[in-house]
């Protein structure tokens, strides 16, 4: 009969042994030679290697304890009779918060490593020599990220084969919970760092958007080229950048080496997305040509009573944008909840929107004048709040200039939907505050541990 618990304990032990060996290789074969040769200045080394030496110290101590525990039992001892791993990991799990810094900097570390190779022939020669005898440095630098994410999976399997009442059960459960929290926080920090990097990248691509792309709480979601139909029924090709709070559109060809020139934006607060109504929005009465109806979607800005009509290249792309807009408006894209799975909408079909779902003003609303939202927009209105393209069409401002009646039941339904979306966003923000608080506590704990480690190292040096 297979002893599953012993096999899992062996896997934890052996993989930890190999992992510590890999960490030692990074320090001994890369970091220390570079530090002594000064091929790269000492002040720049943390840009690539981060706190790898601290991680090595933590995991070396962890492995020594596992080794002592494992070899305290005779060879062939059944897994159920082995205990001690739980207490070891319970005591060490909170030390693993030192992975926060390394994992959040991982992508920048790889970019910096590539820049070093490109800009320094001495470093490129050094790296080529090292990589000629083994894996690339990038293959080693990913290992801490992989290892910290592997622990919860190993613990889950170990708990499956650790019965209730076993001495290891309670400490394993505590260690497992702590490691899950650490992993979640690392993923949160990593996403935040990647998002900030993307915001900087987009900010450098666009000229003319004076409000600035980088804003606290803003999350990059998606970008791509779509056609935009303006109030004069003119079809304009624009590149759209969708964020958690705003939609920005640009035309290709910026200034000062930028790729795009800003043409307009739409704030997504109190907005919704819908499919066009063929009876109302299709030409000649409406503004969408019949052959583009299936590839169109409309973003409705409730506060300014405007409709922005966007056209994708095919129905699949329309469905992807539609679903993503829905998630953004629902508040699903924030740093505490956004994941790669949530952002993959390539197989999601756009929801259907009934013909009676068009948003139109009350009968008392006057026909739009040239300076109203339905006619020629003023400079302030153009582009949804900034200079550039003409903005969206007025809600209900038909192309014949006649106001249409409002469906009060539908309007009430939309208001209820907006209230529900606002509530979900509020709950998500509350969850984010909890994560930030826990992150701060972890960082304070790590700082104390690092100081303690430094004290112990000085004490050891003094004794020797």
Protein backbone atom coordinates (compact mmCIF):
# COMPACT_ATOMS: atom_id res chain seq x y z
CA UNK A 1 0.00 0.00 0.00
CA UNK A 2 1.37 3.42 -0.99
CA UNK A 3 2.41 5.60 1.94
CA UNK A 4 1.15 8.93 0.55
CA UNK A 5 2.07 10.97 3.61
CA UNK A 6 5.69 9.83 3.52
CA UNK A 7 5.91 10.52 -0.22
CA UNK A 8 4.64 14.08 0.27
CA UNK A 9 7.05 14.68 3.17
CA UNK A 10 9.87 13.38 0.97
CA UNK A 11 8.82 15.71 -1.84
CA UNK A 12 8.79 18.73 0.49
CA UNK A 13 12.20 17.79 1.88
CA UNK A 14 13.91 17.01 -1.45
CA UNK A 15 12.50 20.00 -3.34
CA UNK A 16 13.49 22.33 -0.48
CA UNK A 17 17.01 20.91 -0.66
CA UNK A 18 17.25 21.59 -4.41
CA UNK A 19 15.69 25.03 -4.00
CA UNK A 20 18.24 26.13 -1.38
CA UNK A 21 20.99 24.85 -3.68
CA UNK A 22 19.63 27.06 -6.48
CA UNK A 23 19.50 30.10 -4.18
CA UNK A 24 23.09 29.44 -3.12
CA UNK A 25 24.10 29.29 -6.78
CA UNK A 26 22.57 32.72 -7.48
CA UNK A 27 24.45 34.25 -4.55
CA UNK A 28 27.79 32.46 -5.02
CA UNK A 29 28.04 32.45 -8.82
CA UNK A 30 26.33 35.72 -9.71
CA UNK A 31 25.84 38.19 -6.86
CA UNK A 32 29.15 37.83 -5.00
CA UNK A 33 31.39 37.87 -8.12
CA UNK A 34 29.58 40.95 -9.43
CA UNK A 35 29.88 42.64 -6.05
CA UNK A 36 33.63 42.02 -5.87
CA UNK A 37 34.41 42.81 -9.52
CA UNK A 38 32.25 45.94 -9.68
CA UNK A 39 31.28 45.16 -13.28
CA UNK A 40 27.99 46.58 -12.09
CA UNK A 41 28.03 49.17 -9.30
CA UNK A 42 27.01 47.82 -5.89
CA UNK A 43 24.15 50.26 -5.67
CA UNK A 44 22.55 48.76 -8.79
CA UNK A 45 22.79 45.09 -7.78
CA UNK A 46 19.55 45.10 -5.71
CA UNK A 47 17.68 46.13 -8.88
CA UNK A 48 18.15 42.57 -10.15
CA UNK A 49 18.92 40.46 -7.08
CA UNK A 50 16.66 42.20 -4.57
CA UNK A 51 16.84 40.62 -1.12
CA UNK A 52 17.91 37.20 -2.41
CA UNK A 53 20.49 36.82 0.39
CA UNK A 54 17.81 37.26 3.06
CA UNK A 55 15.64 34.66 1.30
CA UNK A 56 18.63 32.30 1.21
CA UNK A 57 19.18 32.74 4.96
CA UNK A 58 15.51 32.10 5.77
CA UNK A 59 15.21 29.00 3.59
CA UNK A 60 18.61 27.60 4.61
CA UNK A 61 17.51 27.70 8.23
CA UNK A 62 14.17 26.14 7.27
CA UNK A 63 15.90 23.31 5.41
CA UNK A 64 18.32 22.62 8.28
CA UNK A 65 15.35 22.13 10.62
CA UNK A 66 13.56 19.87 8.11
CA UNK A 67 16.74 17.85 7.60
CA UNK A 68 17.24 17.37 11.34
CA UNK A 69 13.59 16.38 11.79
CA UNK A 70 13.48 13.98 8.85
CA UNK A 71 16.69 12.18 9.77
CA UNK A 72 15.69 11.82 13.40
CA UNK A 73 13.49 8.92 12.25
CA UNK A 74 14.84 5.55 11.07
CA UNK A 75 14.74 4.99 7.32
CA UNK A 76 11.43 3.49 6.25
CA UNK A 77 9.42 4.99 9.13
CA UNK A 78 5.75 5.21 8.04
CA UNK A 79 4.64 8.73 7.19
CA UNK A 80 1.90 8.73 9.81
CA UNK A 81 4.52 8.28 12.54
CA UNK A 82 6.59 11.27 11.37
CA UNK A 83 5.74 14.61 12.94
CA UNK A 84 7.51 17.91 13.42
CA UNK A 85 7.16 19.36 9.92
CA UNK A 86 4.06 21.24 11.03
CA UNK A 87 5.79 22.98 13.93
CA UNK A 88 8.80 23.84 11.75
CA UNK A 89 6.69 25.46 9.05
CA UNK A 90 4.42 27.15 11.58
CA UNK A 91 7.48 28.81 13.15
CA UNK A 92 9.02 29.71 9.78
CA UNK A 93 5.96 30.65 7.73
CA UNK A 94 5.81 34.28 8.83
CA UNK A 95 9.47 34.73 7.95
CA UNK A 96 8.47 34.07 4.36
CA UNK A 97 7.01 37.58 4.10
CA UNK A 98 10.52 38.47 2.93
CA UNK A 99 9.31 37.21 -0.46
CA UNK A 100 7.07 40.29 -0.81
CA UNK A 101 9.89 42.54 -1.97
CA UNK A 102 11.49 40.00 -4.29
CA UNK A 103 8.29 38.93 -6.04
CA UNK A 104 6.97 42.46 -6.52
CA UNK A 105 10.26 43.45 -8.18
CA UNK A 106 10.62 40.32 -10.31
CA UNK A 107 9.46 41.75 -13.65
CA UNK A 108 11.56 44.89 -13.26
CA UNK A 109 14.54 42.72 -12.31
CA UNK A 110 14.31 40.85 -15.61
CA UNK A 111 14.01 44.12 -17.54
CA UNK A 112 17.00 45.56 -15.69
CA UNK A 113 19.03 42.40 -16.38
CA UNK A 114 18.31 42.76 -20.12
CA UNK A 115 19.32 46.43 -19.99
CA UNK A 116 22.62 45.55 -18.30
CA UNK A 117 23.44 43.05 -21.04
CA UNK A 118 22.58 45.57 -23.73
CA UNK A 119 24.49 48.51 -22.23
CA UNK A 120 27.55 46.79 -20.73
CA UNK A 121 29.79 44.55 -22.82
CA UNK A 122 31.65 43.45 -19.65
CA UNK A 123 28.44 42.29 -18.02
CA UNK A 124 27.25 40.64 -21.23
CA UNK A 125 30.50 38.65 -21.40
CA UNK A 126 30.18 37.72 -17.72
CA UNK A 127 26.57 36.58 -18.20
CA UNK A 128 27.39 34.62 -21.37
CA UNK A 129 30.16 32.77 -19.54
CA UNK A 130 27.86 31.87 -16.64
CA UNK A 131 24.95 30.84 -18.84
CA UNK A 132 27.24 28.70 -20.98
CA UNK A 133 27.56 26.27 -18.07
CA UNK A 134 23.93 26.18 -16.96
CA UNK A 135 20.55 27.90 -17.01
CA UNK A 136 20.09 31.61 -17.66
CA UNK A 137 19.87 33.94 -14.67
CA UNK A 138 16.22 34.58 -15.51
CA UNK A 139 15.51 30.86 -15.07
CA UNK A 140 16.96 31.05 -11.56
CA UNK A 141 15.33 34.34 -10.57
CA UNK A 142 11.86 32.88 -11.20
CA UNK A 143 12.45 30.08 -8.68
CA UNK A 144 11.61 32.09 -5.51
CA UNK A 145 8.33 33.19 -7.12
CA UNK A 146 7.51 29.59 -8.02
CA UNK A 147 8.51 28.23 -4.61
CA UNK A 148 6.41 30.57 -2.47
CA UNK A 149 3.39 29.73 -4.64
CA UNK A 150 4.15 26.00 -4.38
CA UNK A 151 4.05 25.80 -0.57
CA UNK A 152 0.23 26.09 -0.21
CA UNK A 153 -0.23 23.31 -2.79
CA UNK A 154 2.19 21.00 -0.98
CA UNK A 155 0.53 21.73 2.36
CA UNK A 156 -2.91 21.05 0.94
CA UNK A 157 -1.78 17.59 -0.17
CA UNK A 158 -0.04 16.93 3.14
CA UNK A 159 -3.16 17.88 5.11
CA UNK A 160 -5.21 15.43 3.04
CA UNK A 161 -3.05 12.63 4.42
CA UNK A 162 -2.66 13.95 7.97
CA UNK A 163 -5.58 12.61 10.04
CA UNK A 164 -7.40 14.54 12.74
CA UNK A 165 -5.62 14.18 16.07
CA UNK A 166 -2.19 13.78 14.47
CA UNK A 167 0.45 15.95 16.26
CA UNK A 168 1.22 17.70 12.95
CA UNK A 169 -2.40 18.49 12.09
CA UNK A 170 -2.98 21.73 14.04
CA UNK A 171 0.40 23.38 13.30
CA UNK A 172 0.12 22.39 9.64
CA UNK A 173 -3.29 24.06 9.41
CA UNK A 174 -1.93 27.25 10.99
CA UNK A 175 1.13 27.26 8.73
CA UNK A 176 -1.06 26.58 5.69
CA UNK A 177 -3.34 29.53 6.51
CA UNK A 178 -0.35 31.83 7.01
CA UNK A 179 1.25 30.76 3.73
CA UNK A 180 -2.01 31.31 1.86
CA UNK A 181 -2.15 34.84 3.27
CA UNK A 182 1.48 35.47 2.33
CA UNK A 183 0.88 34.18 -1.20
CA UNK A 184 -2.25 36.30 -1.63
CA UNK A 185 -0.41 39.40 -0.45
CA UNK A 186 2.51 38.66 -2.77
CA UNK A 187 0.10 38.29 -5.68
CA UNK A 188 -1.53 41.58 -4.65
CA UNK A 189 1.81 43.40 -4.48
CA UNK A 190 2.94 41.85 -7.76
CA UNK A 191 -0.26 42.91 -9.53
CA UNK A 192 0.06 46.43 -8.13
CA UNK A 193 3.66 46.69 -9.33
CA UNK A 194 2.80 45.32 -12.78
CA UNK A 195 -0.15 47.69 -13.04
CA UNK A 196 1.98 50.71 -12.09
CA UNK A 197 4.53 49.68 -14.71
CA UNK A 198 1.78 49.45 -17.33
CA UNK A 199 0.39 52.87 -16.37
CA UNK A 200 3.86 54.38 -16.84
CA UNK A 201 4.14 52.64 -20.21
CA UNK A 202 0.78 54.00 -21.44
CA UNK A 203 1.56 57.46 -20.04
CA UNK A 204 4.70 57.54 -22.20
CA UNK A 205 2.73 56.49 -25.30
CA UNK A 206 0.13 59.28 -25.26
CA UNK A 207 0.64 62.98 -25.91
CA UNK A 208 -1.90 65.67 -25.07
CA UNK A 209 -3.70 64.07 -22.11
CA UNK A 210 -2.91 66.67 -19.47
CA UNK A 211 -4.77 64.99 -16.58
CA UNK A 212 -2.11 62.28 -16.53
CA UNK A 213 -2.57 58.52 -16.74
CA UNK A 214 -1.01 57.67 -13.37
CA UNK A 215 -3.67 58.18 -10.70
CA UNK A 216 -4.05 56.45 -7.33
CA UNK A 217 -6.39 53.48 -7.57
CA UNK A 218 -6.44 53.40 -11.38
CA UNK A 219 -6.00 49.98 -12.98
CA UNK A 220 -5.12 49.32 -16.62
CA UNK A 221 -7.58 46.83 -18.10
CA UNK A 222 -7.40 46.62 -21.88
CA UNK A 223 -6.46 48.47 -25.05
CA UNK A 224 -7.15 48.03 -28.74
CA UNK A 225 -8.28 49.66 -31.96
CA UNK A 226 -12.00 50.28 -32.53
CA UNK A 227 -14.08 52.52 -34.77
CA UNK A 228 -16.02 55.33 -33.12
CA UNK A 229 -19.13 56.84 -34.71
CA UNK A 230 -19.46 60.53 -33.90
CA UNK A 231 -22.74 62.52 -33.79
CA UNK A 232 -22.29 63.47 -37.46
CA UNK A 233 -22.31 59.75 -38.35
CA UNK A 234 -18.63 59.89 -39.31
CA UNK A 235 -16.70 56.69 -38.59
CA UNK A 236 -13.31 57.38 -36.96
CA UNK A 237 -10.62 54.78 -36.26
CA UNK A 238 -9.26 55.29 -32.74
CA UNK A 239 -7.03 53.40 -30.32
CA UNK A 240 -8.83 52.93 -27.00
CA UNK A 241 -7.29 52.52 -23.55
CA UNK A 242 -9.71 51.13 -20.97
CA UNK A 243 -8.94 51.63 -17.28
CA UNK A 244 -10.91 50.89 -14.13
CA UNK A 245 -12.38 54.40 -14.05
CA UNK A 246 -11.96 55.95 -17.49
CA UNK A 247 -11.94 55.21 -21.23
CA UNK A 248 -9.44 57.18 -23.34
CA UNK A 249 -9.28 57.24 -27.12
CA UNK A 250 -6.45 58.44 -29.32
CA UNK A 251 -5.40 58.66 -32.93
CA UNK A 252 -2.15 57.18 -34.12
CA UNK A 253 0.82 59.49 -34.49
CA UNK A 254 1.71 61.50 -31.41
CA UNK A 255 4.39 64.11 -30.80
CA UNK A 256 7.79 63.87 -29.11
CA UNK A 257 8.23 60.16 -29.94
CA UNK A 258 4.83 59.15 -28.51
CA UNK A 259 2.69 56.63 -30.40
CA UNK A 260 -0.72 58.24 -29.92
CA UNK A 261 -2.33 61.67 -29.72
CA UNK A 262 -5.15 62.12 -27.22
CA UNK A 263 -8.57 62.80 -28.76
CA UNK A 264 -11.07 62.33 -25.94
CA UNK A 265 -12.11 60.44 -22.84
CA UNK A 266 -15.15 59.17 -20.98
CA UNK A 267 -15.37 58.81 -17.21
CA UNK A 268 -17.06 55.50 -16.43
CA UNK A 269 -18.65 56.47 -13.13
CA UNK A 270 -22.45 56.15 -13.42
CA UNK A 271 -22.11 54.63 -16.89
CA UNK A 272 -23.41 51.43 -18.44
CA UNK A 273 -22.86 49.40 -21.60
CA UNK A 274 -25.58 48.16 -23.94
CA UNK A 275 -26.18 46.69 -27.36
CA UNK A 276 -27.68 49.07 -29.95
CA UNK A 277 -31.40 48.89 -30.74
CA UNK A 278 -31.83 48.16 -34.49
CA UNK A 279 -35.20 49.95 -34.58
CA UNK A 280 -33.75 53.13 -33.14
CA UNK A 281 -30.01 53.24 -33.81
CA UNK A 282 -29.76 51.86 -37.34
CA UNK A 283 -29.51 54.26 -40.30
CA UNK A 284 -31.19 56.09 -41.92
CA UNK A 285 -33.08 57.03 -38.74
CA UNK A 286 -30.17 56.25 -36.44
CA UNK A 287 -26.42 56.55 -36.82
CA UNK A 288 -25.19 52.95 -37.26
CA UNK A 289 -25.02 51.42 -40.77
CA UNK A 290 -26.92 48.08 -40.94
CA UNK A 291 -23.80 46.02 -41.73
CA UNK A 292 -22.11 47.27 -38.52
CA UNK A 293 -24.98 46.64 -36.09
CA UNK A 294 -23.78 43.21 -34.92
CA UNK A 295 -20.27 44.53 -34.28
CA UNK A 296 -21.39 47.60 -32.32
CA UNK A 297 -21.80 48.40 -28.65
CA UNK A 298 -22.76 51.59 -26.85
CA UNK A 299 -21.43 53.09 -23.63
CA UNK A 300 -24.03 55.29 -21.94
CA UNK A 301 -22.80 58.14 -19.74
CA UNK A 302 -25.78 58.73 -17.46
CA UNK A 303 -24.53 61.96 -15.86
CA UNK A 304 -24.15 63.80 -19.19
CA UNK A 305 -26.87 61.80 -20.98
CA UNK A 306 -24.59 60.80 -23.83
CA UNK A 307 -24.20 57.61 -25.84
CA UNK A 308 -20.83 56.61 -27.31
CA UNK A 309 -21.07 54.11 -30.18
CA UNK A 310 -18.06 51.84 -30.75
CA UNK A 311 -17.57 49.30 -33.54
CA UNK A 312 -15.21 46.31 -33.38
CA UNK A 313 -13.84 44.31 -36.31
CA UNK A 314 -16.11 41.30 -35.67
CA UNK A 315 -18.72 39.92 -33.26
CA UNK A 316 -16.15 38.03 -31.17
CA UNK A 317 -14.14 41.18 -30.45
CA UNK A 318 -17.37 43.05 -29.71
CA UNK A 319 -18.29 40.38 -27.16
CA UNK A 320 -14.87 40.67 -25.50
CA UNK A 321 -15.12 44.46 -25.16
CA UNK A 322 -18.74 44.25 -24.01
CA UNK A 323 -17.97 41.79 -21.22
CA UNK A 324 -14.91 43.74 -20.12
CA UNK A 325 -16.90 46.99 -19.99
CA UNK A 326 -19.50 45.25 -17.81
CA UNK A 327 -16.84 44.07 -15.37
CA UNK A 328 -15.18 47.48 -15.21
CA UNK A 329 -18.47 49.25 -14.54
CA UNK A 330 -19.30 46.62 -11.89
CA UNK A 331 -16.05 47.48 -10.09
CA UNK A 332 -14.39 44.09 -10.64
CA UNK A 333 -11.10 45.56 -11.81
CA UNK A 334 -9.30 46.75 -8.71
CA UNK A 335 -5.92 45.72 -7.32
CA UNK A 336 -7.39 43.41 -4.68
CA UNK A 337 -9.65 41.40 -6.97
CA UNK A 338 -8.36 41.56 -10.54
CA UNK A 339 -6.73 38.36 -11.75
CA UNK A 340 -5.52 37.07 -15.05
CA UNK A 341 -8.51 34.73 -15.19
CA UNK A 342 -10.92 37.63 -14.80
CA UNK A 343 -9.25 39.52 -17.59
CA UNK A 344 -9.44 36.64 -20.05
CA UNK A 345 -12.76 37.30 -21.74
CA UNK A 346 -11.90 35.87 -25.13
CA UNK A 347 -14.49 33.09 -24.90
CA UNK A 348 -17.26 35.09 -23.26
CA UNK A 349 -20.34 35.91 -25.31
CA UNK A 350 -21.75 39.41 -25.00
CA UNK A 351 -25.08 39.49 -23.15
CA UNK A 352 -28.15 40.28 -25.19
CA UNK A 353 -29.80 43.67 -24.76
CA UNK A 354 -33.52 43.95 -25.44
CA UNK A 355 -34.99 46.38 -27.92
CA UNK A 356 -36.82 48.18 -25.15
CA UNK A 357 -33.61 48.90 -23.29
CA UNK A 358 -32.64 52.14 -25.03
CA UNK A 359 -32.20 55.04 -22.62
CA UNK A 360 -34.24 58.05 -23.71
CA UNK A 361 -35.25 61.34 -22.06
CA UNK A 362 -38.67 62.35 -20.81
CA UNK A 363 -41.22 63.91 -23.20
CA UNK A 364 -40.62 67.27 -21.56
CA UNK A 365 -37.01 67.37 -22.74
CA UNK A 366 -36.52 69.93 -25.53
CA UNK A 367 -35.06 69.00 -28.87
CA UNK A 368 -31.26 69.39 -28.79
CA UNK A 369 -29.83 72.66 -30.00
CA UNK A 370 -26.51 73.00 -31.85
CA UNK A 371 -24.67 73.53 -28.56
CA UNK A 372 -26.46 70.74 -26.67
CA UNK A 373 -25.08 67.22 -26.37
CA UNK A 374 -27.14 66.00 -29.32
CA UNK A 375 -25.92 68.61 -31.79
CA UNK A 376 -22.52 70.17 -32.39
CA UNK A 377 -20.63 69.80 -29.09
CA UNK A 378 -18.99 72.72 -27.40
CA UNK A 379 -15.18 72.51 -26.90
CA UNK A 380 -15.72 71.44 -23.29
CA UNK A 381 -18.18 68.70 -24.26
CA UNK A 382 -16.13 67.39 -27.15
CA UNK A 383 -14.47 64.08 -26.37
CA UNK A 384 -16.34 63.54 -23.12
CA UNK A 385 -14.57 66.27 -21.18
CA UNK A 386 -11.42 67.07 -23.12
CA UNK A 387 -10.52 68.63 -26.46
CA UNK A 388 -10.50 66.45 -29.54
CA UNK A 389 -13.15 64.26 -31.17
CA UNK A 390 -16.81 65.12 -30.99
CA UNK A 391 -18.37 63.43 -27.99
CA UNK A 392 -21.22 60.94 -27.77
CA UNK A 393 -24.74 61.45 -28.99
CA UNK A 394 -27.32 62.78 -26.55
CA UNK A 395 -29.45 60.08 -24.96
CA UNK A 396 -32.68 60.02 -26.87
CA UNK A 397 -31.58 62.89 -29.10
CA UNK A 398 -32.53 61.11 -32.32
CA UNK A 399 -30.97 62.08 -35.60
CA UNK A 400 -34.27 63.75 -36.59
CA UNK A 401 -33.88 66.11 -33.66
CA UNK A 402 -37.10 64.92 -31.98
CA UNK A 403 -37.23 63.92 -28.32
CA UNK A 404 -38.60 60.47 -27.50
CA UNK A 405 -40.67 59.18 -24.59
CA UNK A 406 -39.05 57.53 -21.59
CA UNK A 407 -39.81 54.09 -20.23
CA UNK A 408 -40.02 54.84 -16.49
CA UNK A 409 -39.88 51.18 -15.50
CA UNK A 410 -36.71 50.73 -17.53
CA UNK A 411 -35.13 53.86 -16.07
CA UNK A 412 -35.92 52.61 -12.56
CA UNK A 413 -34.34 49.26 -13.42
CA UNK A 414 -31.18 50.97 -14.62
CA UNK A 415 -30.99 53.09 -11.49
CA UNK A 416 -31.30 49.95 -9.34
CA UNK A 417 -28.53 48.34 -11.38
CA UNK A 418 -26.30 51.36 -10.81
CA UNK A 419 -26.99 51.21 -7.06
CA UNK A 420 -26.08 47.52 -7.00
CA UNK A 421 -22.86 48.18 -8.91
CA UNK A 422 -21.97 50.99 -6.50
CA UNK A 423 -22.54 48.67 -3.54
CA UNK A 424 -20.27 46.01 -5.04
CA UNK A 425 -17.58 48.61 -5.66
CA UNK A 426 -17.86 49.83 -2.05
CA UNK A 427 -17.49 46.25 -0.77
CA UNK A 428 -14.44 45.70 -3.00
CA UNK A 429 -12.80 48.88 -1.69
CA UNK A 430 -13.44 47.74 1.89
CA UNK A 431 -11.72 44.42 1.12
CA UNK A 432 -8.77 46.32 -0.34
CA UNK A 433 -8.39 48.34 2.87
CA UNK A 434 -8.23 45.10 4.88
CA UNK A 435 -5.51 43.75 2.57
CA UNK A 436 -3.53 47.00 2.88
CA UNK A 437 -3.74 46.81 6.68
CA UNK A 438 -2.53 43.20 6.72
CA UNK A 439 0.26 44.08 4.31
CA UNK A 440 1.44 46.88 6.63
CA UNK A 441 1.47 44.49 9.59
CA UNK A 442 3.51 41.97 7.61
CA UNK A 443 6.00 44.62 6.54
CA UNK A 444 6.45 45.76 10.15
CA UNK A 445 7.04 42.15 11.19
CA UNK A 446 9.58 41.68 8.40
CA UNK A 447 11.44 44.84 9.41
CA UNK A 448 11.73 43.55 12.97
CA UNK A 449 12.95 40.17 11.78
CA UNK A 450 15.57 41.72 9.50
CA UNK A 451 16.86 43.84 12.39
CA UNK A 452 16.96 40.75 14.60
CA UNK A 453 18.84 38.82 11.91
CA UNK A 454 21.41 41.60 11.66
CA UNK A 455 21.90 41.54 15.42
CA UNK A 456 22.39 37.76 15.39
CA UNK A 457 24.91 38.00 12.55
CA UNK A 458 26.92 40.62 14.43
CA UNK A 459 26.80 38.43 17.55
CA UNK A 460 28.11 35.43 15.60
CA UNK A 461 30.92 37.51 14.12
CA UNK A 462 31.83 38.76 17.60
CA UNK A 463 31.93 35.21 19.02
CA UNK A 464 34.21 34.06 16.21
